[in-house]
Amino acid sequence: MKDEIPKKASTRTICACLEDMRSCLKTNNFSYFPGLIEEIQYRANRMENALELTGGWDGVPDKIKERDKLKKEIKVLEEEKLKLEQEKLPNSLDTSSEK
């Protein structure tokens, strides 16, 4: 299942929704209570779907290992790029003085 989220989706958390539910209880105003229930259910479903996409809780460690491996690879590539740029810099200065 692919979740189509609008670009300007709310960044409200489930905890914020629950806090609004608590304020409903304090004020005895339940007019927007059903909407809060729907919002929490929507957000919880999205969290469950995200877990399924990563292989559940069991798949999370694999994703962490993969992320760490990619970070190391990026670091190595950045170091190689810097080294190549430093080697290229003196050569470009030498050729400009020979002209």
N, C-alpha and C. Protein backbone atom coordinates (compact mmCIF):
# COMPACT_ATOMS: atom_id res chain seq x y z
N MET A 1 0.83 -1.18 0.00
CA MET A 1 0.00 0.00 0.00
C MET A 1 0.87 1.24 0.00
N LYS A 2 0.64 2.11 -0.95
CA LYS A 2 1.42 3.34 -1.02
C LYS A 2 0.60 4.47 -0.43
N ASP A 3 1.20 5.21 0.47
CA ASP A 3 0.50 6.29 1.15
C ASP A 3 0.79 7.59 0.42
N GLU A 4 -0.22 8.16 -0.20
CA GLU A 4 -0.07 9.42 -0.90
C GLU A 4 -0.32 10.55 0.09
N ILE A 5 0.76 11.21 0.51
CA ILE A 5 0.66 12.26 1.50
C ILE A 5 0.83 13.60 0.79
N PRO A 6 -0.06 14.55 1.06
CA PRO A 6 0.12 15.87 0.45
C PRO A 6 1.44 16.49 0.88
N LYS A 7 2.00 17.34 0.02
CA LYS A 7 3.29 17.94 0.33
C LYS A 7 3.25 18.77 1.60
N LYS A 8 2.14 19.39 1.90
CA LYS A 8 2.03 20.20 3.11
C LYS A 8 1.23 19.45 4.18
N ALA A 9 1.57 18.20 4.40
CA ALA A 9 0.87 17.38 5.39
C ALA A 9 1.18 17.90 6.79
N SER A 10 0.23 17.69 7.67
CA SER A 10 0.40 18.13 9.05
C SER A 10 1.52 17.34 9.71
N THR A 11 2.27 18.01 10.54
CA THR A 11 3.35 17.34 11.27
C THR A 11 2.94 17.09 12.71
N ARG A 12 1.65 17.15 12.97
CA ARG A 12 1.11 16.92 14.29
C ARG A 12 1.38 15.49 14.73
N THR A 13 1.68 15.31 15.99
CA THR A 13 1.98 13.97 16.50
C THR A 13 0.74 13.35 17.14
N ILE A 14 0.83 12.05 17.35
CA ILE A 14 -0.25 11.35 18.04
C ILE A 14 -0.38 11.89 19.47
N CYS A 15 0.72 12.21 20.09
CA CYS A 15 0.68 12.76 21.45
C CYS A 15 -0.10 14.07 21.49
N ALA A 16 0.05 14.90 20.46
CA ALA A 16 -0.71 16.16 20.40
C ALA A 16 -2.20 15.88 20.27
N CYS A 17 -2.55 14.89 19.48
CA CYS A 17 -3.97 14.50 19.34
C CYS A 17 -4.51 14.00 20.68
N LEU A 18 -3.73 13.20 21.37
CA LEU A 18 -4.17 12.68 22.67
C LEU A 18 -4.34 13.82 23.68
N GLU A 19 -3.47 14.80 23.60
CA GLU A 19 -3.60 15.97 24.49
C GLU A 19 -4.90 16.72 24.22
N ASP A 20 -5.26 16.84 22.93
CA ASP A 20 -6.54 17.46 22.59
C ASP A 20 -7.71 16.63 23.12
N MET A 21 -7.57 15.31 23.09
CA MET A 21 -8.62 14.45 23.65
C MET A 21 -8.76 14.69 25.16
N ARG A 22 -7.63 14.87 25.83
CA ARG A 22 -7.68 15.14 27.27
C ARG A 22 -8.37 16.47 27.54
N SER A 23 -8.13 17.46 26.68
CA SER A 23 -8.80 18.75 26.88
C SER A 23 -10.30 18.61 26.65
N CYS A 24 -10.71 17.70 25.75
CA CYS A 24 -12.14 17.42 25.57
C CYS A 24 -12.75 16.92 26.87
N LEU A 25 -12.02 16.05 27.54
CA LEU A 25 -12.51 15.49 28.82
C LEU A 25 -12.61 16.59 29.88
N LYS A 26 -11.61 17.48 29.93
CA LYS A 26 -11.61 18.54 30.94
C LYS A 26 -12.77 19.51 30.75
N THR A 27 -13.06 19.83 29.49
CA THR A 27 -14.09 20.84 29.20
C THR A 27 -15.46 20.22 28.92
N ASN A 28 -15.53 18.91 28.87
CA ASN A 28 -16.77 18.20 28.51
C ASN A 28 -17.31 18.65 27.14
N ASN A 29 -16.41 19.00 26.25
CA ASN A 29 -16.79 19.39 24.88
C ASN A 29 -16.29 18.28 23.95
N PHE A 30 -17.18 17.41 23.55
CA PHE A 30 -16.81 16.26 22.73
C PHE A 30 -17.18 16.46 21.26
N SER A 31 -17.38 17.69 20.84
CA SER A 31 -17.82 17.94 19.47
C SER A 31 -16.78 17.53 18.43
N TYR A 32 -15.52 17.66 18.75
CA TYR A 32 -14.48 17.28 17.79
C TYR A 32 -13.77 15.97 18.16
N PHE A 33 -14.30 15.27 19.13
CA PHE A 33 -13.73 14.00 19.59
C PHE A 33 -13.67 12.94 18.49
N PRO A 34 -14.75 12.74 17.70
CA PRO A 34 -14.69 11.74 16.62
C PRO A 34 -13.58 12.05 15.59
N GLY A 35 -13.37 13.33 15.30
CA GLY A 35 -12.31 13.71 14.37
C GLY A 35 -10.93 13.38 14.91
N LEU A 36 -10.75 13.56 16.21
CA LEU A 36 -9.47 13.22 16.84
C LEU A 36 -9.22 11.72 16.79
N ILE A 37 -10.28 10.94 16.99
CA ILE A 37 -10.14 9.48 16.91
C ILE A 37 -9.69 9.08 15.51
N GLU A 38 -10.31 9.67 14.50
CA GLU A 38 -9.94 9.36 13.10
C GLU A 38 -8.50 9.77 12.81
N GLU A 39 -8.10 10.93 13.32
CA GLU A 39 -6.73 11.41 13.10
C GLU A 39 -5.71 10.47 13.73
N ILE A 40 -5.98 10.02 14.95
CA ILE A 40 -5.06 9.10 15.61
C ILE A 40 -5.01 7.77 14.87
N GLN A 41 -6.17 7.29 14.43
CA GLN A 41 -6.18 6.02 13.70
C GLN A 41 -5.38 6.14 12.40
N TYR A 42 -5.52 7.25 11.69
CA TYR A 42 -4.78 7.48 10.45
C TYR A 42 -3.28 7.47 10.71
N ARG A 43 -2.86 8.19 11.75
CA ARG A 43 -1.42 8.27 12.04
C ARG A 43 -0.87 6.93 12.51
N ALA A 44 -1.63 6.21 13.31
CA ALA A 44 -1.18 4.89 13.77
C ALA A 44 -1.09 3.91 12.60
N ASN A 45 -2.04 3.97 11.66
CA ASN A 45 -1.98 3.11 10.48
C ASN A 45 -0.74 3.42 9.64
N ARG A 46 -0.41 4.69 9.52
CA ARG A 46 0.80 5.05 8.77
C ARG A 46 2.06 4.51 9.44
N MET A 47 2.09 4.55 10.78
CA MET A 47 3.25 4.00 11.50
C MET A 47 3.35 2.50 11.28
N GLU A 48 2.21 1.80 11.34
CA GLU A 48 2.22 0.35 11.12
C GLU A 48 2.68 0.02 9.70
N ASN A 49 2.20 0.79 8.72
CA ASN A 49 2.62 0.55 7.33
C ASN A 49 4.12 0.77 7.16
N ALA A 50 4.64 1.80 7.81
CA ALA A 50 6.08 2.06 7.72
C ALA A 50 6.87 0.91 8.32
N LEU A 51 6.39 0.36 9.42
CA LEU A 51 7.06 -0.79 10.03
C LEU A 51 7.04 -1.99 9.11
N GLU A 52 5.91 -2.21 8.44
CA GLU A 52 5.82 -3.34 7.51
C GLU A 52 6.80 -3.17 6.35
N LEU A 53 6.95 -1.95 5.87
CA LEU A 53 7.87 -1.70 4.76
C LEU A 53 9.32 -1.98 5.14
N THR A 54 9.65 -1.79 6.41
CA THR A 54 11.02 -2.04 6.86
C THR A 54 11.21 -3.46 7.36
N GLY A 55 10.17 -4.28 7.24
CA GLY A 55 10.28 -5.66 7.70
C GLY A 55 9.87 -5.83 9.14
N GLY A 56 9.09 -4.90 9.66
CA GLY A 56 8.66 -4.97 11.06
C GLY A 56 9.81 -4.60 11.98
N TRP A 57 9.59 -4.81 13.25
CA TRP A 57 10.65 -4.49 14.22
C TRP A 57 11.89 -5.32 13.97
N ASP A 58 11.70 -6.53 13.43
CA ASP A 58 12.85 -7.39 13.17
C ASP A 58 13.71 -6.81 12.03
N GLY A 59 13.11 -6.05 11.12
CA GLY A 59 13.85 -5.50 9.99
C GLY A 59 14.59 -4.21 10.31
N VAL A 60 14.26 -3.59 11.43
CA VAL A 60 14.88 -2.32 11.79
C VAL A 60 16.39 -2.44 11.96
N PRO A 61 16.90 -3.44 12.68
CA PRO A 61 18.36 -3.55 12.81
C PRO A 61 19.07 -3.69 11.46
N ASP A 62 18.43 -4.40 10.51
CA ASP A 62 19.02 -4.53 9.18
C ASP A 62 19.11 -3.17 8.49
N LYS A 63 18.06 -2.36 8.63
CA LYS A 63 18.07 -1.03 8.03
C LYS A 63 19.13 -0.15 8.68
N ILE A 64 19.32 -0.29 9.97
CA ILE A 64 20.34 0.49 10.67
C ILE A 64 21.73 0.09 10.17
N LYS A 65 21.96 -1.22 10.01
CA LYS A 65 23.25 -1.69 9.50
C LYS A 65 23.48 -1.17 8.09
N GLU A 66 22.44 -1.21 7.26
CA GLU A 66 22.55 -0.73 5.88
C GLU A 66 22.85 0.77 5.86
N ARG A 67 22.18 1.53 6.74
CA ARG A 67 22.43 2.97 6.82
C ARG A 67 23.87 3.26 7.23
N ASP A 68 24.36 2.53 8.25
CA ASP A 68 25.73 2.74 8.71
C ASP A 68 26.73 2.40 7.62
N LYS A 69 26.47 1.33 6.87
CA LYS A 69 27.35 0.94 5.78
C LYS A 69 27.39 2.04 4.70
N LEU A 70 26.22 2.58 4.37
CA LEU A 70 26.16 3.65 3.37
C LEU A 70 26.87 4.91 3.85
N LYS A 71 26.74 5.22 5.14
CA LYS A 71 27.43 6.39 5.70
C LYS A 71 28.94 6.23 5.58
N LYS A 72 29.44 5.03 5.88
CA LYS A 72 30.88 4.77 5.76
C LYS A 72 31.34 4.90 4.31
N GLU A 73 30.52 4.36 3.40
CA GLU A 73 30.85 4.44 1.98
C GLU A 73 30.89 5.90 1.51
N ILE A 74 29.95 6.69 1.96
CA ILE A 74 29.93 8.11 1.60
C ILE A 74 31.17 8.81 2.13
N LYS A 75 31.55 8.50 3.36
CA LYS A 75 32.73 9.12 3.96
C LYS A 75 33.99 8.78 3.15
N VAL A 76 34.13 7.51 2.76
CA VAL A 76 35.29 7.09 1.97
C VAL A 76 35.30 7.83 0.63
N LEU A 77 34.16 7.92 -0.02
CA LEU A 77 34.08 8.60 -1.31
C LEU A 77 34.39 10.09 -1.19
N GLU A 78 33.92 10.72 -0.11
CA GLU A 78 34.23 12.13 0.11
C GLU A 78 35.72 12.34 0.32
N GLU A 79 36.36 11.42 1.06
CA GLU A 79 37.81 11.52 1.28
C GLU A 79 38.58 11.34 -0.02
N GLU A 80 38.13 10.39 -0.85
CA GLU A 80 38.78 10.18 -2.15
C GLU A 80 38.61 11.41 -3.04
N LYS A 81 37.44 12.01 -3.02
CA LYS A 81 37.18 13.20 -3.81
C LYS A 81 38.09 14.34 -3.37
N LEU A 82 38.21 14.53 -2.06
CA LEU A 82 39.07 15.59 -1.53
C LEU A 82 40.53 15.36 -1.93
N LYS A 83 40.97 14.10 -1.85
CA LYS A 83 42.34 13.77 -2.22
C LYS A 83 42.58 14.07 -3.70
N LEU A 84 41.63 13.69 -4.55
CA LEU A 84 41.77 13.96 -5.99
C LEU A 84 41.77 15.45 -6.28
N GLU A 85 40.94 16.21 -5.58
CA GLU A 85 40.91 17.66 -5.77
C GLU A 85 42.22 18.29 -5.34
N GLN A 86 42.82 17.79 -4.25
CA GLN A 86 44.09 18.33 -3.78
C GLN A 86 45.23 17.99 -4.73
N GLU A 87 45.18 16.79 -5.34
CA GLU A 87 46.20 16.41 -6.32
C GLU A 87 46.07 17.25 -7.58
N LYS A 88 44.86 17.56 -7.95
CA LYS A 88 44.60 18.31 -9.16
C LYS A 88 44.98 19.78 -8.99
N LEU A 89 44.80 20.34 -7.84
CA LEU A 89 45.05 21.74 -7.58
C LEU A 89 46.50 22.14 -7.84
N PRO A 90 47.52 21.46 -7.29
CA PRO A 90 48.91 21.85 -7.57
C PRO A 90 49.25 21.71 -9.06
N ASN A 91 48.73 20.70 -9.72
CA ASN A 91 49.01 20.52 -11.15
C ASN A 91 48.45 21.66 -11.96
N SER A 92 47.30 22.16 -11.63
CA SER A 92 46.72 23.27 -12.39
C SER A 92 47.50 24.55 -12.15
N LEU A 93 48.08 24.71 -10.96
CA LEU A 93 48.89 25.89 -10.69
C LEU A 93 50.20 25.83 -11.45
N ASP A 94 50.81 24.64 -11.56
CA ASP A 94 52.09 24.50 -12.27
C ASP A 94 51.91 24.79 -13.75
N THR A 95 50.88 24.32 -14.37
CA THR A 95 50.70 24.52 -15.81
C THR A 95 50.41 25.97 -16.13
N SER A 96 49.79 26.71 -15.24
CA SER A 96 49.49 28.12 -15.51
C SER A 96 50.76 28.96 -15.48
N SER A 97 51.77 28.56 -14.68
CA SER A 97 53.01 29.33 -14.59
C SER A 97 53.93 29.04 -15.78
N GLU A 98 53.76 27.89 -16.43
CA GLU A 98 54.61 27.54 -17.55
C GLU A 98 54.23 28.30 -18.81
N LYS A 99 53.02 28.78 -18.91
CA LYS A 99 52.55 29.48 -20.10
C LYS A 99 53.18 30.80 -20.18
